[in-house]
Amino acid sequence: MDLSVVSLLKDFGAIPMMIVLICVVALLLKDIKKELSSVSKNIEEIKAELLDKIADLKQHSDEKDADLKERVLDIEKKLYMSQRETVTKEQFYKHLEGWRSDLDAIAKLIRSKENG
């Protein structure tokens, strides 16, 4: 017995062959639907895992950001204090201007007291 499509059509006719083809297609669609639901379930599991990982990473990132913010504020305070404690070159020279003449006046005063 030959199992080619043409010989089967000759032996049984077109309608029984169409019924068999419809059954095969229905079985294939059922398998595809089952695989699709399995894939959909896997996608949901992966999505839930990713959301959990993202939440964990966000929490870790927020903790690091808070730590960095605290460190930046501390450094800003230290920098501010350092700027308040330092004097610019102009302020230094302005404060000490005329120091030589002051030293000369003190030296003259000492000499006059020694001589006098």
N, C-alpha and C. Protein backbone atom coordinates (compact mmCIF):
# COMPACT_ATOMS: atom_id res chain seq x y z
N MET A 1 0.85 -1.18 0.00
CA MET A 1 0.00 0.00 0.00
C MET A 1 0.89 1.23 0.00
N ASP A 2 0.64 2.11 -0.91
CA ASP A 2 1.40 3.35 -1.06
C ASP A 2 0.79 4.42 -0.16
N LEU A 3 1.64 5.15 0.63
CA LEU A 3 1.15 6.14 1.57
C LEU A 3 1.30 7.57 1.06
N SER A 4 1.45 7.75 -0.20
CA SER A 4 1.58 9.11 -0.73
C SER A 4 0.21 9.78 -0.68
N VAL A 5 0.20 11.08 -0.68
CA VAL A 5 -1.03 11.86 -0.55
C VAL A 5 -1.96 11.58 -1.73
N VAL A 6 -1.41 11.45 -2.91
CA VAL A 6 -2.22 11.23 -4.10
C VAL A 6 -2.93 9.87 -4.01
N SER A 7 -2.20 8.86 -3.59
CA SER A 7 -2.83 7.54 -3.49
C SER A 7 -3.87 7.49 -2.38
N LEU A 8 -3.61 8.20 -1.26
CA LEU A 8 -4.58 8.25 -0.18
C LEU A 8 -5.85 8.98 -0.62
N LEU A 9 -5.70 10.04 -1.43
CA LEU A 9 -6.86 10.75 -1.96
C LEU A 9 -7.69 9.85 -2.87
N LYS A 10 -6.98 9.03 -3.66
CA LYS A 10 -7.69 8.12 -4.56
C LYS A 10 -8.43 7.04 -3.76
N ASP A 11 -7.81 6.57 -2.69
CA ASP A 11 -8.40 5.46 -1.93
C ASP A 11 -9.57 5.94 -1.04
N PHE A 12 -9.41 7.05 -0.36
CA PHE A 12 -10.41 7.45 0.62
C PHE A 12 -11.23 8.67 0.21
N GLY A 13 -10.76 9.49 -0.66
CA GLY A 13 -11.48 10.68 -1.08
C GLY A 13 -10.94 11.92 -0.35
N ALA A 14 -11.41 13.07 -0.75
CA ALA A 14 -10.90 14.34 -0.25
C ALA A 14 -11.43 14.66 1.15
N ILE A 15 -12.67 14.31 1.41
CA ILE A 15 -13.28 14.69 2.68
C ILE A 15 -12.63 13.96 3.85
N PRO A 16 -12.43 12.65 3.82
CA PRO A 16 -11.74 12.02 4.95
C PRO A 16 -10.31 12.54 5.13
N MET A 17 -9.64 12.83 4.05
CA MET A 17 -8.27 13.38 4.14
C MET A 17 -8.29 14.76 4.79
N MET A 18 -9.29 15.58 4.48
CA MET A 18 -9.41 16.90 5.09
C MET A 18 -9.68 16.77 6.60
N ILE A 19 -10.50 15.78 6.97
CA ILE A 19 -10.79 15.55 8.38
C ILE A 19 -9.51 15.17 9.12
N VAL A 20 -8.71 14.30 8.51
CA VAL A 20 -7.44 13.89 9.12
C VAL A 20 -6.51 15.10 9.24
N LEU A 21 -6.43 15.90 8.20
CA LEU A 21 -5.58 17.10 8.23
C LEU A 21 -6.06 18.08 9.31
N ILE A 22 -7.38 18.24 9.44
CA ILE A 22 -7.91 19.13 10.47
C ILE A 22 -7.55 18.61 11.86
N CYS A 23 -7.63 17.30 12.06
CA CYS A 23 -7.25 16.71 13.35
C CYS A 23 -5.77 16.94 13.64
N VAL A 24 -4.92 16.76 12.62
CA VAL A 24 -3.48 16.98 12.81
C VAL A 24 -3.21 18.44 13.15
N VAL A 25 -3.86 19.35 12.43
CA VAL A 25 -3.68 20.78 12.69
C VAL A 25 -4.18 21.12 14.10
N ALA A 26 -5.31 20.53 14.50
CA ALA A 26 -5.85 20.78 15.84
C ALA A 26 -4.87 20.30 16.91
N LEU A 27 -4.27 19.12 16.72
CA LEU A 27 -3.27 18.62 17.67
C LEU A 27 -2.04 19.54 17.73
N LEU A 28 -1.62 20.00 16.57
CA LEU A 28 -0.48 20.93 16.53
C LEU A 28 -0.81 22.24 17.24
N LEU A 29 -2.01 22.75 17.02
CA LEU A 29 -2.41 23.99 17.69
C LEU A 29 -2.51 23.79 19.20
N LYS A 30 -2.97 22.62 19.65
CA LYS A 30 -3.04 22.32 21.07
C LYS A 30 -1.63 22.31 21.68
N ASP A 31 -0.68 21.66 20.98
CA ASP A 31 0.71 21.66 21.46
C ASP A 31 1.30 23.07 21.49
N ILE A 32 0.99 23.84 20.46
CA ILE A 32 1.50 25.22 20.41
C ILE A 32 0.92 26.03 21.57
N LYS A 33 -0.39 25.85 21.86
CA LYS A 33 -1.02 26.57 22.95
C LYS A 33 -0.39 26.18 24.29
N LYS A 34 -0.11 24.88 24.47
CA LYS A 34 0.52 24.42 25.70
C LYS A 34 1.93 25.02 25.84
N GLU A 35 2.69 25.02 24.78
CA GLU A 35 4.03 25.63 24.81
C GLU A 35 3.95 27.13 25.07
N LEU A 36 2.97 27.77 24.49
CA LEU A 36 2.80 29.20 24.68
C LEU A 36 2.47 29.53 26.13
N SER A 37 1.63 28.74 26.76
CA SER A 37 1.32 28.98 28.17
C SER A 37 2.56 28.74 29.04
N SER A 38 3.36 27.74 28.68
CA SER A 38 4.60 27.47 29.41
C SER A 38 5.57 28.64 29.26
N VAL A 39 5.69 29.15 28.07
CA VAL A 39 6.56 30.30 27.81
C VAL A 39 6.05 31.52 28.56
N SER A 40 4.74 31.72 28.56
CA SER A 40 4.16 32.85 29.27
C SER A 40 4.44 32.74 30.77
N LYS A 41 4.33 31.54 31.32
CA LYS A 41 4.62 31.33 32.74
C LYS A 41 6.08 31.63 33.02
N ASN A 42 6.99 31.18 32.16
CA ASN A 42 8.42 31.45 32.33
C ASN A 42 8.71 32.94 32.26
N ILE A 43 8.02 33.62 31.37
CA ILE A 43 8.22 35.07 31.24
C ILE A 43 7.79 35.77 32.53
N GLU A 44 6.67 35.37 33.09
CA GLU A 44 6.20 35.98 34.34
C GLU A 44 7.18 35.72 35.49
N GLU A 45 7.73 34.50 35.55
CA GLU A 45 8.71 34.19 36.60
C GLU A 45 9.96 35.05 36.45
N ILE A 46 10.44 35.16 35.23
CA ILE A 46 11.64 35.98 34.96
C ILE A 46 11.35 37.45 35.28
N LYS A 47 10.15 37.90 34.93
CA LYS A 47 9.76 39.28 35.22
C LYS A 47 9.76 39.54 36.72
N ALA A 48 9.19 38.60 37.49
CA ALA A 48 9.16 38.75 38.95
C ALA A 48 10.58 38.76 39.52
N GLU A 49 11.45 37.87 39.03
CA GLU A 49 12.85 37.84 39.49
C GLU A 49 13.55 39.16 39.19
N LEU A 50 13.33 39.66 37.98
CA LEU A 50 13.97 40.93 37.59
C LEU A 50 13.48 42.09 38.45
N LEU A 51 12.18 42.11 38.74
CA LEU A 51 11.66 43.18 39.59
C LEU A 51 12.25 43.11 40.99
N ASP A 52 12.41 41.89 41.51
CA ASP A 52 13.05 41.73 42.83
C ASP A 52 14.50 42.20 42.79
N LYS A 53 15.22 41.81 41.75
CA LYS A 53 16.62 42.23 41.64
C LYS A 53 16.74 43.74 41.50
N ILE A 54 15.84 44.33 40.71
CA ILE A 54 15.86 45.78 40.53
C ILE A 54 15.57 46.48 41.85
N ALA A 55 14.62 45.95 42.62
CA ALA A 55 14.30 46.54 43.92
C ALA A 55 15.51 46.45 44.86
N ASP A 56 16.19 45.29 44.86
CA ASP A 56 17.38 45.14 45.70
C ASP A 56 18.48 46.11 45.27
N LEU A 57 18.69 46.23 43.97
CA LEU A 57 19.72 47.14 43.47
C LEU A 57 19.37 48.59 43.79
N LYS A 58 18.08 48.94 43.69
CA LYS A 58 17.66 50.30 44.01
C LYS A 58 17.91 50.58 45.49
N GLN A 59 17.59 49.64 46.35
CA GLN A 59 17.82 49.83 47.78
C GLN A 59 19.32 50.00 48.05
N HIS A 60 20.14 49.16 47.43
CA HIS A 60 21.59 49.26 47.60
C HIS A 60 22.09 50.61 47.08
N SER A 61 21.56 51.02 45.94
CA SER A 61 21.97 52.29 45.36
C SER A 61 21.56 53.46 46.26
N ASP A 62 20.35 53.38 46.83
CA ASP A 62 19.89 54.44 47.72
C ASP A 62 20.77 54.52 48.97
N GLU A 63 21.18 53.36 49.50
CA GLU A 63 22.07 53.35 50.66
C GLU A 63 23.41 53.98 50.31
N LYS A 64 23.95 53.61 49.16
CA LYS A 64 25.23 54.20 48.73
C LYS A 64 25.08 55.70 48.50
N ASP A 65 23.96 56.12 47.90
CA ASP A 65 23.74 57.54 47.67
C ASP A 65 23.68 58.31 48.98
N ALA A 66 23.00 57.74 49.97
CA ALA A 66 22.92 58.40 51.28
C ALA A 66 24.31 58.52 51.90
N ASP A 67 25.11 57.46 51.78
CA ASP A 67 26.47 57.48 52.32
C ASP A 67 27.31 58.53 51.59
N LEU A 68 27.20 58.57 50.27
CA LEU A 68 27.96 59.57 49.51
C LEU A 68 27.50 60.99 49.83
N LYS A 69 26.20 61.17 50.00
CA LYS A 69 25.69 62.50 50.35
C LYS A 69 26.25 62.94 51.69
N GLU A 70 26.28 62.02 52.65
CA GLU A 70 26.82 62.33 53.97
C GLU A 70 28.30 62.70 53.87
N ARG A 71 29.04 61.94 53.05
CA ARG A 71 30.47 62.23 52.90
C ARG A 71 30.69 63.58 52.23
N VAL A 72 29.87 63.90 51.22
CA VAL A 72 30.00 65.18 50.52
C VAL A 72 29.70 66.34 51.48
N LEU A 73 28.66 66.19 52.30
CA LEU A 73 28.35 67.24 53.27
C LEU A 73 29.47 67.43 54.27
N ASP A 74 30.08 66.33 54.71
CA ASP A 74 31.21 66.41 55.64
C ASP A 74 32.39 67.13 55.00
N ILE A 75 32.68 66.79 53.76
CA ILE A 75 33.78 67.44 53.05
C ILE A 75 33.48 68.92 52.84
N GLU A 76 32.22 69.25 52.52
CA GLU A 76 31.85 70.65 52.36
C GLU A 76 32.06 71.43 53.66
N LYS A 77 31.69 70.82 54.78
CA LYS A 77 31.91 71.48 56.08
C LYS A 77 33.40 71.72 56.31
N LYS A 78 34.21 70.69 56.06
CA LYS A 78 35.65 70.83 56.26
C LYS A 78 36.23 71.88 55.34
N LEU A 79 35.78 71.92 54.11
CA LEU A 79 36.26 72.91 53.15
C LEU A 79 35.86 74.31 53.59
N TYR A 80 34.64 74.46 54.06
CA TYR A 80 34.18 75.76 54.55
C TYR A 80 35.01 76.22 55.73
N MET A 81 35.25 75.31 56.66
CA MET A 81 36.06 75.66 57.82
C MET A 81 37.48 76.01 57.40
N SER A 82 38.01 75.27 56.45
CA SER A 82 39.37 75.55 55.97
C SER A 82 39.43 76.91 55.30
N GLN A 83 38.40 77.25 54.53
CA GLN A 83 38.38 78.55 53.88
C GLN A 83 38.25 79.68 54.89
N ARG A 84 37.51 79.45 55.97
CA ARG A 84 37.37 80.48 56.99
C ARG A 84 38.67 80.69 57.75
N GLU A 85 39.46 79.61 57.91
CA GLU A 85 40.69 79.71 58.70
C GLU A 85 41.87 80.21 57.89
N THR A 86 41.82 80.15 56.59
CA THR A 86 42.95 80.60 55.78
C THR A 86 42.78 82.06 55.41
N VAL A 87 43.89 82.68 55.11
CA VAL A 87 43.91 84.09 54.76
C VAL A 87 44.47 84.19 53.35
N THR A 88 43.90 85.09 52.58
CA THR A 88 44.43 85.29 51.24
C THR A 88 45.75 86.05 51.33
N LYS A 89 46.49 86.00 50.26
CA LYS A 89 47.79 86.67 50.21
C LYS A 89 47.63 88.18 50.41
N GLU A 90 46.60 88.74 49.80
CA GLU A 90 46.36 90.17 49.93
C GLU A 90 46.03 90.54 51.38
N GLN A 91 45.18 89.69 52.02
CA GLN A 91 44.85 89.97 53.41
C GLN A 91 46.10 89.89 54.30
N PHE A 92 46.97 88.93 54.02
CA PHE A 92 48.19 88.78 54.79
C PHE A 92 49.08 90.01 54.66
N TYR A 93 49.30 90.44 53.39
CA TYR A 93 50.16 91.61 53.18
C TYR A 93 49.53 92.88 53.75
N LYS A 94 48.21 93.00 53.63
CA LYS A 94 47.55 94.19 54.17
C LYS A 94 47.69 94.23 55.69
N HIS A 95 47.55 93.06 56.31
CA HIS A 95 47.67 93.00 57.76
C HIS A 95 49.09 93.31 58.23
N LEU A 96 50.08 92.88 57.46
CA LEU A 96 51.47 93.06 57.87
C LEU A 96 52.17 94.22 57.17
N GLU A 97 51.42 95.06 56.46
CA GLU A 97 52.08 96.16 55.76
C GLU A 97 52.71 97.12 56.79
N GLY A 98 53.83 97.58 56.46
CA GLY A 98 54.54 98.50 57.34
C GLY A 98 55.24 97.80 58.49
N TRP A 99 55.44 96.51 58.43
CA TRP A 99 56.09 95.80 59.55
C TRP A 99 57.54 96.20 59.69
N ARG A 100 58.18 96.54 58.58
CA ARG A 100 59.57 96.97 58.68
C ARG A 100 59.69 98.31 59.40
N SER A 101 58.79 99.19 59.04
CA SER A 101 58.84 100.49 59.72
C SER A 101 58.52 100.33 61.21
N ASP A 102 57.59 99.39 61.53
CA ASP A 102 57.30 99.12 62.94
C ASP A 102 58.53 98.57 63.64
N LEU A 103 59.24 97.63 62.99
CA LEU A 103 60.45 97.08 63.59
C LEU A 103 61.53 98.15 63.76
N ASP A 104 61.66 99.01 62.76
CA ASP A 104 62.64 100.10 62.89
C ASP A 104 62.28 101.02 64.05
N ALA A 105 60.99 101.32 64.22
CA ALA A 105 60.57 102.20 65.33
C ALA A 105 60.85 101.52 66.66
N ILE A 106 60.60 100.21 66.74
CA ILE A 106 60.88 99.49 67.99
C ILE A 106 62.38 99.46 68.26
N ALA A 107 63.18 99.23 67.21
CA ALA A 107 64.63 99.21 67.38
C ALA A 107 65.13 100.58 67.86
N LYS A 108 64.62 101.66 67.29
CA LYS A 108 65.02 103.00 67.72
C LYS A 108 64.63 103.24 69.17
N LEU A 109 63.45 102.78 69.54
CA LEU A 109 63.00 102.93 70.91
C LEU A 109 63.88 102.16 71.88
N ILE A 110 64.28 100.95 71.49
CA ILE A 110 65.18 100.16 72.34
C ILE A 110 66.54 100.84 72.45
N ARG A 111 67.08 101.33 71.34
CA ARG A 111 68.36 102.00 71.38
C ARG A 111 68.31 103.27 72.22
N SER A 112 67.22 103.99 72.08
CA SER A 112 67.12 105.21 72.86
C SER A 112 67.02 104.92 74.35
N LYS A 113 66.36 103.83 74.70
CA LYS A 113 66.25 103.45 76.11
C LYS A 113 67.60 102.97 76.64
N GLU A 114 68.37 102.27 75.75
CA GLU A 114 69.68 101.80 76.17
C GLU A 114 70.66 102.96 76.35
N ASN A 115 70.54 103.91 75.45
CA ASN A 115 71.45 105.06 75.48
C ASN A 115 70.99 106.11 76.52
N GLY A 116 69.79 106.08 76.84
CA GLY A 116 69.25 107.15 77.60
C GLY A 116 69.19 107.04 79.03
